[in-house]
Amino acid sequence: MALEFTDDNFESLALQSDKVVLVDFWAEWCGPCRMVGPHVDALASEYEGKAVVGKVNVDLHGGIAAKFGVRNIPTIVFLKNGEVVDKVVGAVPKEQLAEKLDANI
């Protein structure tokens, strides 16, 4: 299961992580987000110990989304050492997300 990033924990869990971080920006009302969500949860299990995988609910934590310029959801951002190294907008296959994680580990 993916972590739930919030305003309180985002800096410590995502920005200060020594691992690559996948951040899924989503909302409950977003159909494509519901398609991507199970992929993100599966990747959280598959990459446990190798990467940090979590989600930001943009309705609850819009400040984080604004900081990363998220205008469309789902948007998935890959961070390394607190910096954006890759980004995907829209519903994409799990394999594409795994490839991007592998490329940055």
C-alpha atoms as a PDB file:
ATOM      1  CA  MET A   1       0.000   0.000   0.000  1.00  0.00           C
ATOM      2  CA  ALA A   2       1.331   3.417  -0.946  1.00  0.00           C
ATOM      3  CA  LEU A   3       2.106   6.000   1.724  1.00  0.00           C
ATOM      4  CA  GLU A   4      -0.240   8.932   2.169  1.00  0.00           C
ATOM      5  CA  PHE A   5       1.819  12.089   1.787  1.00  0.00           C
ATOM      6  CA  THR A   6       0.439  15.082   3.682  1.00  0.00           C
ATOM      7  CA  ASP A   7       1.476  18.660   4.384  1.00  0.00           C
ATOM      8  CA  ASP A   8       2.954  17.391   7.672  1.00  0.00           C
ATOM      9  CA  ASN A   9       5.050  14.496   6.369  1.00  0.00           C
ATOM     10  CA  PHE A  10       5.900  15.338   2.741  1.00  0.00           C
ATOM     11  CA  GLU A  11       9.229  16.992   3.456  1.00  0.00           C
ATOM     12  CA  SER A  12      10.536  14.226   5.722  1.00  0.00           C
ATOM     13  CA  LEU A  13       9.189  11.247   3.722  1.00  0.00           C
ATOM     14  CA  ALA A  14       9.608  12.525   0.154  1.00  0.00           C
ATOM     15  CA  LEU A  15      11.970  15.469  -0.118  1.00  0.00           C
ATOM     16  CA  GLN A  16      14.528  14.202   2.402  1.00  0.00           C
ATOM     17  CA  SER A  17      14.460  10.556   1.299  1.00  0.00           C
ATOM     18  CA  ASP A  18      17.718   8.926   0.245  1.00  0.00           C
ATOM     19  CA  LYS A  19      15.729   6.741  -2.183  1.00  0.00           C
ATOM     20  CA  VAL A  20      13.898   7.591  -5.400  1.00  0.00           C
ATOM     21  CA  VAL A  21      10.348   8.725  -4.603  1.00  0.00           C
ATOM     22  CA  LEU A  22       7.211   8.211  -6.716  1.00  0.00           C
ATOM     23  CA  VAL A  23       4.499  10.749  -5.887  1.00  0.00           C
ATOM     24  CA  ASP A  24       1.015  10.146  -7.303  1.00  0.00           C
ATOM     25  CA  PHE A  25      -1.062  13.344  -7.319  1.00  0.00           C
ATOM     26  CA  TRP A  26      -4.727  12.271  -7.362  1.00  0.00           C
ATOM     27  CA  ALA A  27      -8.280  12.993  -6.190  1.00  0.00           C
ATOM     28  CA  GLU A  28     -11.196  10.721  -5.290  1.00  0.00           C
ATOM     29  CA  TRP A  29     -13.446  12.173  -8.015  1.00  0.00           C
ATOM     30  CA  CYS A  30     -10.875  11.549 -10.772  1.00  0.00           C
ATOM     31  CA  GLY A  31     -11.669   8.482 -12.917  1.00  0.00           C
ATOM     32  CA  PRO A  32      -8.186   8.074 -14.440  1.00  0.00           C
ATOM     33  CA  CYS A  33      -6.721   8.411 -10.933  1.00  0.00           C
ATOM     34  CA  ARG A  34      -8.754   5.394  -9.836  1.00  0.00           C
ATOM     35  CA  MET A  35      -7.279   3.467 -12.774  1.00  0.00           C
ATOM     36  CA  VAL A  36      -3.686   4.323 -11.783  1.00  0.00           C
ATOM     37  CA  GLY A  37      -4.174   3.901  -8.019  1.00  0.00           C
ATOM     38  CA  PRO A  38      -3.924   0.086  -7.933  1.00  0.00           C
ATOM     39  CA  HIS A  39      -0.718   0.253 -10.004  1.00  0.00           C
ATOM     40  CA  VAL A  40       0.803   2.683  -7.511  1.00  0.00           C
ATOM     41  CA  ASP A  41      -0.192   0.458  -4.580  1.00  0.00           C
ATOM     42  CA  ALA A  42       1.328  -2.591  -6.298  1.00  0.00           C
ATOM     43  CA  LEU A  43       4.571  -0.707  -6.983  1.00  0.00           C
ATOM     44  CA  ALA A  44       4.730   0.327  -3.308  1.00  0.00           C
ATOM     45  CA  SER A  45       4.891  -3.369  -2.385  1.00  0.00           C
ATOM     46  CA  GLU A  46       7.194  -4.400  -5.231  1.00  0.00           C
ATOM     47  CA  TYR A  47       9.716  -1.606  -4.571  1.00  0.00           C
ATOM     48  CA  GLU A  48       9.631  -1.717  -0.771  1.00  0.00           C
ATOM     49  CA  GLY A  49      13.135  -0.986   0.492  1.00  0.00           C
ATOM     50  CA  LYS A  50      14.257   0.264  -2.946  1.00  0.00           C
ATOM     51  CA  ALA A  51      11.960   3.274  -3.453  1.00  0.00           C
ATOM     52  CA  VAL A  52       9.384   5.341  -1.591  1.00  0.00           C
ATOM     53  CA  VAL A  53       5.934   5.254  -3.191  1.00  0.00           C
ATOM     54  CA  GLY A  54       3.131   7.512  -2.038  1.00  0.00           C
ATOM     55  CA  LYS A  55       0.087   9.556  -2.962  1.00  0.00           C
ATOM     56  CA  VAL A  56      -0.976  13.165  -2.474  1.00  0.00           C
ATOM     57  CA  ASN A  57      -4.706  13.893  -2.437  1.00  0.00           C
ATOM     58  CA  VAL A  58      -4.776  17.266  -4.222  1.00  0.00           C
ATOM     59  CA  ASP A  59      -8.110  18.212  -2.644  1.00  0.00           C
ATOM     60  CA  LEU A  60      -6.624  17.889   0.850  1.00  0.00           C
ATOM     61  CA  HIS A  61      -3.036  18.975   0.169  1.00  0.00           C
ATOM     62  CA  GLY A  62      -3.221  21.419  -2.727  1.00  0.00           C
ATOM     63  CA  GLY A  63      -0.114  23.274  -1.564  1.00  0.00           C
ATOM     64  CA  ILE A  64       2.097  20.311  -2.402  1.00  0.00           C
ATOM     65  CA  ALA A  65       0.494  20.014  -5.842  1.00  0.00           C
ATOM     66  CA  ALA A  66       0.979  23.742  -6.458  1.00  0.00           C
ATOM     67  CA  LYS A  67       4.654  23.507  -5.484  1.00  0.00           C
ATOM     68  CA  PHE A  68       5.165  20.955  -8.268  1.00  0.00           C
ATOM     69  CA  GLY A  69       3.030  22.789 -10.823  1.00  0.00           C
ATOM     70  CA  VAL A  70       0.442  20.011 -10.987  1.00  0.00           C
ATOM     71  CA  ARG A  71      -2.445  21.202 -13.164  1.00  0.00           C
ATOM     72  CA  ASN A  72      -3.843  17.880 -14.357  1.00  0.00           C
ATOM     73  CA  ILE A  73      -4.367  14.636 -12.493  1.00  0.00           C
ATOM     74  CA  PRO A  74      -3.239  12.011 -12.291  1.00  0.00           C
ATOM     75  CA  THR A  75       0.280  13.402 -12.371  1.00  0.00           C
ATOM     76  CA  ILE A  76       3.094  11.178 -11.170  1.00  0.00           C
ATOM     77  CA  VAL A  77       6.348  12.842 -10.211  1.00  0.00           C
ATOM     78  CA  PHE A  78       9.628  11.036  -9.584  1.00  0.00           C
ATOM     79  CA  LEU A  79      11.979  12.666  -7.080  1.00  0.00           C
ATOM     80  CA  LYS A  80      15.619  11.972  -6.335  1.00  0.00           C
ATOM     81  CA  ASN A  81      17.406  13.919  -3.607  1.00  0.00           C
ATOM     82  CA  GLY A  82      14.344  16.172  -3.380  1.00  0.00           C
ATOM     83  CA  GLU A  83      14.491  17.150  -7.070  1.00  0.00           C
ATOM     84  CA  VAL A  84      12.127  16.200  -9.896  1.00  0.00           C
ATOM     85  CA  VAL A  85      13.874  13.733 -12.232  1.00  0.00           C
ATOM     86  CA  ASP A  86      10.849  12.577 -14.246  1.00  0.00           C
ATOM     87  CA  LYS A  87       7.120  13.166 -14.591  1.00  0.00           C
ATOM     88  CA  VAL A  88       4.105  11.460 -16.167  1.00  0.00           C
ATOM     89  CA  VAL A  89       0.704  13.071 -16.732  1.00  0.00           C
ATOM     90  CA  GLY A  90      -2.377  10.932 -17.269  1.00  0.00           C
ATOM     91  CA  ALA A  91      -3.226   7.276 -16.791  1.00  0.00           C
ATOM     92  CA  VAL A  92      -0.299   5.112 -17.850  1.00  0.00           C
ATOM     93  CA  PRO A  93       0.420   1.376 -17.587  1.00  0.00           C
ATOM     94  CA  LYS A  94       2.121   0.033 -14.479  1.00  0.00           C
ATOM     95  CA  GLU A  95       5.068  -1.119 -16.608  1.00  0.00           C
ATOM     96  CA  GLN A  96       5.811   2.454 -17.662  1.00  0.00           C
ATOM     97  CA  LEU A  97       5.918   3.580 -14.034  1.00  0.00           C
ATOM     98  CA  ALA A  98       8.173   0.642 -13.121  1.00  0.00           C
ATOM     99  CA  GLU A  99      10.554   1.522 -15.988  1.00  0.00           C
ATOM    100  CA  LYS A 100      10.840   5.081 -14.713  1.00  0.00           C
ATOM    101  CA  LEU A 101      11.492   3.870 -11.166  1.00  0.00           C
ATOM    102  CA  ASP A 102      14.140   1.429 -12.404  1.00  0.00           C
ATOM    103  CA  ALA A 103      15.832   4.153 -14.451  1.00  0.00           C
ATOM    104  CA  ASN A 104      16.236   6.325 -11.344  1.00  0.00           C
ATOM    105  CA  ILE A 105      17.168   3.762  -8.682  1.00  0.00           C
END
